[in-house]
Amino acid sequence: MRPPPRERGFLMVEALVALAIAALMAALVFDTIWQMGRTAAVSAQQRHALLLARSVVAAASVPGVGSPIPARGSDGRLTWTITREAYADAAAEGLPLETVSVAISDAATGRVLARLSSLKAQR
């Protein structure tokens, strides 16, 4: 038994609508997966920057003459800058202190990813 002539093209329209919905859902899934990958990459870069900042602050805070680490440097795609200034609240008769601050930046964009500070006995 054949369907009436009015309904013959209906299956083709249904198939096209179903394909359009499937394509839309696939695009949403791929976009979500891409965003998750991008977020994971940014998170890993920030974690690496924080670990680098901790190690640079630790090396720059070693008491003694001179610094075991240069004021500017790089580690792969990350660069660091060390700034030092006298600690304002240090007691007059106490040990003179200085604040050691480290800023970690992305070398490609210049965006600061991490900042850490510490106190150190002045040279």
N, C-alpha and C. Protein backbone atom coordinates (compact mmCIF):
# COMPACT_ATOMS: atom_id res chain seq x y z
N MET A 1 0.83 -1.18 0.00
CA MET A 1 0.00 0.00 0.00
C MET A 1 0.88 1.25 0.00
N ARG A 2 0.62 2.13 -0.92
CA ARG A 2 1.41 3.35 -1.08
C ARG A 2 0.76 4.48 -0.30
N PRO A 3 1.60 5.37 0.30
CA PRO A 3 1.02 6.53 0.98
C PRO A 3 0.43 7.49 -0.04
N PRO A 4 -0.49 8.29 0.39
CA PRO A 4 -1.07 9.27 -0.52
C PRO A 4 0.00 10.22 -1.03
N PRO A 5 -0.16 10.81 -2.23
CA PRO A 5 0.86 11.68 -2.82
C PRO A 5 1.22 12.88 -1.94
N ARG A 6 0.32 13.34 -1.13
CA ARG A 6 0.58 14.49 -0.28
C ARG A 6 1.64 14.20 0.79
N GLU A 7 1.80 12.95 1.22
CA GLU A 7 2.71 12.60 2.31
C GLU A 7 4.01 11.97 1.83
N ARG A 8 4.26 11.88 0.56
CA ARG A 8 5.46 11.21 0.06
C ARG A 8 6.76 11.91 0.46
N GLY A 9 6.83 13.22 0.50
CA GLY A 9 8.05 13.96 0.84
C GLY A 9 8.25 14.17 2.33
N PHE A 10 7.37 13.73 3.15
CA PHE A 10 7.44 13.99 4.59
C PHE A 10 8.64 13.32 5.25
N LEU A 11 9.01 12.12 4.83
CA LEU A 11 10.15 11.42 5.43
C LEU A 11 11.46 12.14 5.16
N MET A 12 11.62 12.76 4.02
CA MET A 12 12.84 13.50 3.69
C MET A 12 12.97 14.72 4.60
N VAL A 13 11.89 15.44 4.86
CA VAL A 13 11.93 16.60 5.74
C VAL A 13 12.27 16.17 7.16
N GLU A 14 11.71 15.07 7.61
CA GLU A 14 12.04 14.55 8.95
C GLU A 14 13.52 14.23 9.06
N ALA A 15 14.06 13.59 8.05
CA ALA A 15 15.49 13.23 8.06
C ALA A 15 16.37 14.48 8.08
N LEU A 16 16.02 15.49 7.33
CA LEU A 16 16.80 16.72 7.32
C LEU A 16 16.75 17.44 8.66
N VAL A 17 15.58 17.47 9.28
CA VAL A 17 15.45 18.09 10.61
C VAL A 17 16.27 17.32 11.63
N ALA A 18 16.23 16.01 11.58
CA ALA A 18 17.01 15.19 12.51
C ALA A 18 18.51 15.42 12.31
N LEU A 19 18.97 15.51 11.06
CA LEU A 19 20.39 15.78 10.80
C LEU A 19 20.79 17.17 11.30
N ALA A 20 19.92 18.15 11.13
CA ALA A 20 20.23 19.50 11.61
C ALA A 20 20.34 19.52 13.14
N ILE A 21 19.44 18.83 13.81
CA ILE A 21 19.51 18.77 15.28
C ILE A 21 20.76 18.04 15.73
N ALA A 22 21.12 16.94 15.08
CA ALA A 22 22.34 16.21 15.43
C ALA A 22 23.58 17.07 15.20
N ALA A 23 23.62 17.82 14.11
CA ALA A 23 24.77 18.69 13.83
C ALA A 23 24.89 19.79 14.88
N LEU A 24 23.77 20.33 15.30
CA LEU A 24 23.77 21.37 16.34
C LEU A 24 24.28 20.81 17.66
N MET A 25 23.83 19.62 18.01
CA MET A 25 24.29 19.00 19.26
C MET A 25 25.77 18.67 19.20
N ALA A 26 26.24 18.18 18.05
CA ALA A 26 27.66 17.87 17.90
C ALA A 26 28.51 19.14 18.03
N ALA A 27 28.04 20.24 17.45
CA ALA A 27 28.78 21.50 17.57
C ALA A 27 28.87 21.95 19.03
N LEU A 28 27.79 21.81 19.77
CA LEU A 28 27.81 22.18 21.20
C LEU A 28 28.76 21.29 21.99
N VAL A 29 28.77 20.01 21.70
CA VAL A 29 29.67 19.08 22.41
C VAL A 29 31.12 19.42 22.09
N PHE A 30 31.45 19.65 20.83
CA PHE A 30 32.83 19.99 20.46
C PHE A 30 33.28 21.30 21.08
N ASP A 31 32.39 22.29 21.14
CA ASP A 31 32.73 23.56 21.77
C ASP A 31 33.00 23.38 23.26
N THR A 32 32.19 22.57 23.91
CA THR A 32 32.39 22.31 25.34
C THR A 32 33.72 21.61 25.59
N ILE A 33 34.04 20.63 24.77
CA ILE A 33 35.32 19.92 24.93
C ILE A 33 36.49 20.86 24.68
N TRP A 34 36.39 21.74 23.69
CA TRP A 34 37.47 22.70 23.41
C TRP A 34 37.65 23.65 24.59
N GLN A 35 36.55 24.15 25.16
CA GLN A 35 36.63 25.05 26.31
C GLN A 35 37.27 24.36 27.51
N MET A 36 36.93 23.10 27.74
CA MET A 36 37.53 22.36 28.85
C MET A 36 39.03 22.20 28.66
N GLY A 37 39.45 21.92 27.43
CA GLY A 37 40.88 21.80 27.15
C GLY A 37 41.61 23.12 27.35
N ARG A 38 41.01 24.21 26.93
CA ARG A 38 41.61 25.54 27.11
C ARG A 38 41.72 25.90 28.58
N THR A 39 40.68 25.61 29.34
CA THR A 39 40.69 25.88 30.78
C THR A 39 41.78 25.06 31.47
N ALA A 40 41.94 23.81 31.08
CA ALA A 40 42.98 22.97 31.66
C ALA A 40 44.37 23.51 31.33
N ALA A 41 44.57 24.01 30.11
CA ALA A 41 45.87 24.56 29.72
C ALA A 41 46.20 25.82 30.52
N VAL A 42 45.22 26.70 30.69
CA VAL A 42 45.43 27.93 31.47
C VAL A 42 45.72 27.59 32.93
N SER A 43 44.99 26.62 33.47
CA SER A 43 45.21 26.21 34.85
C SER A 43 46.62 25.64 35.04
N ALA A 44 47.07 24.83 34.10
CA ALA A 44 48.42 24.26 34.19
C ALA A 44 49.47 25.35 34.10
N GLN A 45 49.26 26.36 33.26
CA GLN A 45 50.22 27.45 33.14
C GLN A 45 50.27 28.27 34.43
N GLN A 46 49.13 28.53 35.04
CA GLN A 46 49.11 29.27 36.29
C GLN A 46 49.76 28.47 37.42
N ARG A 47 49.54 27.16 37.45
CA ARG A 47 50.18 26.32 38.46
C ARG A 47 51.69 26.34 38.29
N HIS A 48 52.15 26.26 37.04
CA HIS A 48 53.59 26.32 36.77
C HIS A 48 54.16 27.68 37.19
N ALA A 49 53.42 28.75 36.92
CA ALA A 49 53.87 30.10 37.31
C ALA A 49 53.97 30.22 38.82
N LEU A 50 53.02 29.67 39.55
CA LEU A 50 53.07 29.75 41.01
C LEU A 50 54.25 28.96 41.57
N LEU A 51 54.50 27.78 41.03
CA LEU A 51 55.66 27.00 41.48
C LEU A 51 56.96 27.73 41.18
N LEU A 52 57.05 28.34 40.01
CA LEU A 52 58.25 29.11 39.66
C LEU A 52 58.40 30.31 40.59
N ALA A 53 57.30 31.00 40.89
CA ALA A 53 57.36 32.15 41.79
C ALA A 53 57.84 31.74 43.17
N ARG A 54 57.36 30.62 43.67
CA ARG A 54 57.81 30.14 44.99
C ARG A 54 59.30 29.84 44.99
N SER A 55 59.80 29.19 43.94
CA SER A 55 61.22 28.86 43.93
C SER A 55 62.09 30.10 43.74
N VAL A 56 61.63 31.06 42.94
CA VAL A 56 62.41 32.30 42.75
C VAL A 56 62.43 33.11 44.04
N VAL A 57 61.30 33.21 44.74
CA VAL A 57 61.26 33.93 46.02
C VAL A 57 62.18 33.25 47.03
N ALA A 58 62.16 31.93 47.07
CA ALA A 58 63.02 31.21 48.00
C ALA A 58 64.49 31.46 47.69
N ALA A 59 64.86 31.44 46.41
CA ALA A 59 66.26 31.68 46.04
C ALA A 59 66.65 33.13 46.29
N ALA A 60 65.74 34.07 46.04
CA ALA A 60 66.07 35.49 46.22
C ALA A 60 66.06 35.89 47.69
N SER A 61 65.45 35.11 48.55
CA SER A 61 65.36 35.45 49.97
C SER A 61 66.48 34.87 50.81
N VAL A 62 67.43 34.22 50.19
CA VAL A 62 68.56 33.65 50.92
C VAL A 62 69.39 34.80 51.48
N PRO A 63 69.60 34.83 52.81
CA PRO A 63 70.40 35.93 53.37
C PRO A 63 71.85 35.83 52.95
N GLY A 64 72.49 36.97 52.91
CA GLY A 64 73.91 37.00 52.57
C GLY A 64 74.18 38.04 51.51
N VAL A 65 75.44 38.14 51.13
CA VAL A 65 75.85 39.12 50.14
C VAL A 65 75.50 38.59 48.75
N GLY A 66 74.93 39.47 47.94
CA GLY A 66 74.58 39.07 46.58
C GLY A 66 73.33 38.21 46.54
N SER A 67 72.86 37.99 45.36
CA SER A 67 71.68 37.16 45.17
C SER A 67 72.05 35.96 44.33
N PRO A 68 71.61 34.77 44.73
CA PRO A 68 71.94 33.59 43.95
C PRO A 68 71.14 33.48 42.65
N ILE A 69 70.26 34.44 42.41
CA ILE A 69 69.42 34.40 41.22
C ILE A 69 69.36 35.80 40.62
N PRO A 70 69.40 35.93 39.28
CA PRO A 70 69.36 37.26 38.67
C PRO A 70 68.02 37.95 38.86
N ALA A 71 68.00 39.28 38.75
CA ALA A 71 66.77 40.06 38.95
C ALA A 71 65.75 39.81 37.85
N ARG A 72 66.18 39.43 36.68
CA ARG A 72 65.28 39.08 35.58
C ARG A 72 65.75 37.78 34.96
N GLY A 73 64.79 36.97 34.57
CA GLY A 73 65.15 35.71 33.94
C GLY A 73 63.93 35.07 33.30
N SER A 74 64.16 33.90 32.73
CA SER A 74 63.05 33.20 32.08
C SER A 74 63.19 31.71 32.30
N ASP A 75 62.05 31.05 32.18
CA ASP A 75 61.98 29.60 32.28
C ASP A 75 60.93 29.15 31.26
N GLY A 76 61.38 28.81 30.08
CA GLY A 76 60.44 28.45 29.03
C GLY A 76 59.64 29.67 28.59
N ARG A 77 58.31 29.58 28.68
CA ARG A 77 57.44 30.68 28.27
C ARG A 77 57.18 31.67 29.40
N LEU A 78 57.76 31.45 30.57
CA LEU A 78 57.52 32.34 31.71
C LEU A 78 58.77 33.16 32.00
N THR A 79 58.55 34.43 32.38
CA THR A 79 59.65 35.30 32.78
C THR A 79 59.38 35.79 34.20
N TRP A 80 60.45 36.08 34.91
CA TRP A 80 60.28 36.62 36.26
C TRP A 80 61.03 37.93 36.40
N THR A 81 60.54 38.75 37.33
CA THR A 81 61.18 40.01 37.69
C THR A 81 61.19 40.09 39.21
N ILE A 82 62.37 40.35 39.77
CA ILE A 82 62.51 40.48 41.22
C ILE A 82 62.70 41.95 41.55
N THR A 83 61.92 42.47 42.49
CA THR A 83 62.11 43.83 42.98
C THR A 83 62.39 43.77 44.47
N ARG A 84 63.24 44.67 44.91
CA ARG A 84 63.61 44.73 46.33
C ARG A 84 63.43 46.16 46.82
N GLU A 85 62.91 46.29 48.02
CA GLU A 85 62.81 47.61 48.65
C GLU A 85 62.88 47.44 50.16
N ALA A 86 63.35 48.50 50.82
CA ALA A 86 63.48 48.46 52.27
C ALA A 86 62.12 48.27 52.92
N TYR A 87 62.07 47.44 53.95
CA TYR A 87 60.83 47.19 54.67
C TYR A 87 60.55 48.38 55.57
N ALA A 88 59.43 49.04 55.39
CA ALA A 88 59.13 50.30 56.06
C ALA A 88 58.90 50.14 57.56
N ASP A 89 58.38 49.00 58.00
CA ASP A 89 58.03 48.84 59.42
C ASP A 89 59.15 48.22 60.25
N ALA A 90 60.36 48.17 59.73
CA ALA A 90 61.47 47.57 60.47
C ALA A 90 61.84 48.47 61.65
N ALA A 91 62.15 47.87 62.78
CA ALA A 91 62.54 48.61 63.98
C ALA A 91 63.90 49.27 63.75
N ALA A 92 64.09 50.45 64.34
CA ALA A 92 65.32 51.21 64.13
C ALA A 92 66.54 50.46 64.66
N GLU A 93 66.41 49.81 65.81
CA GLU A 93 67.58 49.11 66.36
C GLU A 93 67.60 47.63 66.01
N GLY A 94 66.61 47.17 65.32
CA GLY A 94 66.55 45.75 64.95
C GLY A 94 67.29 45.47 63.67
N LEU A 95 67.10 44.29 63.21
CA LEU A 95 67.73 43.84 61.98
C LEU A 95 67.05 44.54 60.79
N PRO A 96 67.82 45.20 59.91
CA PRO A 96 67.20 45.84 58.75
C PRO A 96 66.67 44.78 57.78
N LEU A 97 65.45 44.99 57.33
CA LEU A 97 64.80 44.04 56.43
C LEU A 97 64.50 44.68 55.09
N GLU A 98 64.31 43.85 54.08
CA GLU A 98 63.86 44.32 52.79
C GLU A 98 62.77 43.38 52.28
N THR A 99 61.87 43.93 51.48
CA THR A 99 60.82 43.15 50.87
C THR A 99 61.30 42.68 49.50
N VAL A 100 61.20 41.39 49.27
CA VAL A 100 61.56 40.80 47.99
C VAL A 100 60.26 40.38 47.32
N SER A 101 59.97 40.97 46.16
CA SER A 101 58.74 40.65 45.41
C SER A 101 59.11 40.05 44.07
N VAL A 102 58.35 39.03 43.68
CA VAL A 102 58.58 38.36 42.40
C VAL A 102 57.28 38.40 41.60
N ALA A 103 57.39 38.80 40.34
CA ALA A 103 56.25 38.77 39.42
C ALA A 103 56.59 37.82 38.28
N ILE A 104 55.71 36.86 38.04
CA ILE A 104 55.88 35.90 36.96
C ILE A 104 54.92 36.28 35.84
N SER A 105 55.46 36.42 34.62
CA SER A 105 54.65 36.83 33.47
C SER A 105 54.77 35.82 32.34
N ASP A 106 53.76 35.80 31.50
CA ASP A 106 53.80 35.01 30.27
C ASP A 106 54.65 35.81 29.28
N ALA A 107 55.69 35.18 28.74
CA ALA A 107 56.61 35.89 27.84
C ALA A 107 55.92 36.34 26.56
N ALA A 108 54.95 35.58 26.09
CA ALA A 108 54.30 35.91 24.82
C ALA A 108 53.33 37.08 24.96
N THR A 109 52.54 37.09 26.04
CA THR A 109 51.50 38.11 26.19
C THR A 109 51.87 39.22 27.16
N GLY A 110 52.83 38.96 28.06
CA GLY A 110 53.20 39.95 29.07
C GLY A 110 52.24 39.97 30.25
N ARG A 111 51.25 39.08 30.26
CA ARG A 111 50.26 39.04 31.34
C ARG A 111 50.89 38.45 32.60
N VAL A 112 50.69 39.12 33.74
CA VAL A 112 51.23 38.65 35.01
C VAL A 112 50.37 37.49 35.50
N LEU A 113 51.02 36.35 35.76
CA LEU A 113 50.31 35.15 36.19
C LEU A 113 50.38 34.92 37.69
N ALA A 114 51.46 35.40 38.34
CA ALA A 114 51.62 35.19 39.78
C ALA A 114 52.50 36.28 40.35
N ARG A 115 52.21 36.65 41.60
CA ARG A 115 53.03 37.60 42.37
C ARG A 115 53.20 37.06 43.78
N LEU A 116 54.42 37.09 44.26
CA LEU A 116 54.69 36.67 45.65
C LEU A 116 55.69 37.63 46.27
N SER A 117 55.60 37.79 47.58
CA SER A 117 56.52 38.66 48.32
C SER A 117 57.02 37.94 49.56
N SER A 118 58.21 38.36 50.01
CA SER A 118 58.81 37.79 51.21
C SER A 118 59.70 38.85 51.85
N LEU A 119 60.03 38.64 53.13
CA LEU A 119 60.98 39.51 53.81
C LEU A 119 62.32 38.83 53.90
N LYS A 120 63.38 39.65 53.84
CA LYS A 120 64.75 39.14 53.89
C LYS A 120 65.61 40.14 54.64
N ALA A 121 66.62 39.64 55.33
CA ALA A 121 67.57 40.53 55.97
C ALA A 121 68.33 41.30 54.91
N GLN A 122 68.47 42.64 55.11
CA GLN A 122 69.17 43.45 54.11
C GLN A 122 70.63 43.08 54.06
N ARG A 123 71.21 43.30 52.90
CA ARG A 123 72.64 43.01 52.70
C ARG A 123 73.49 44.00 53.42
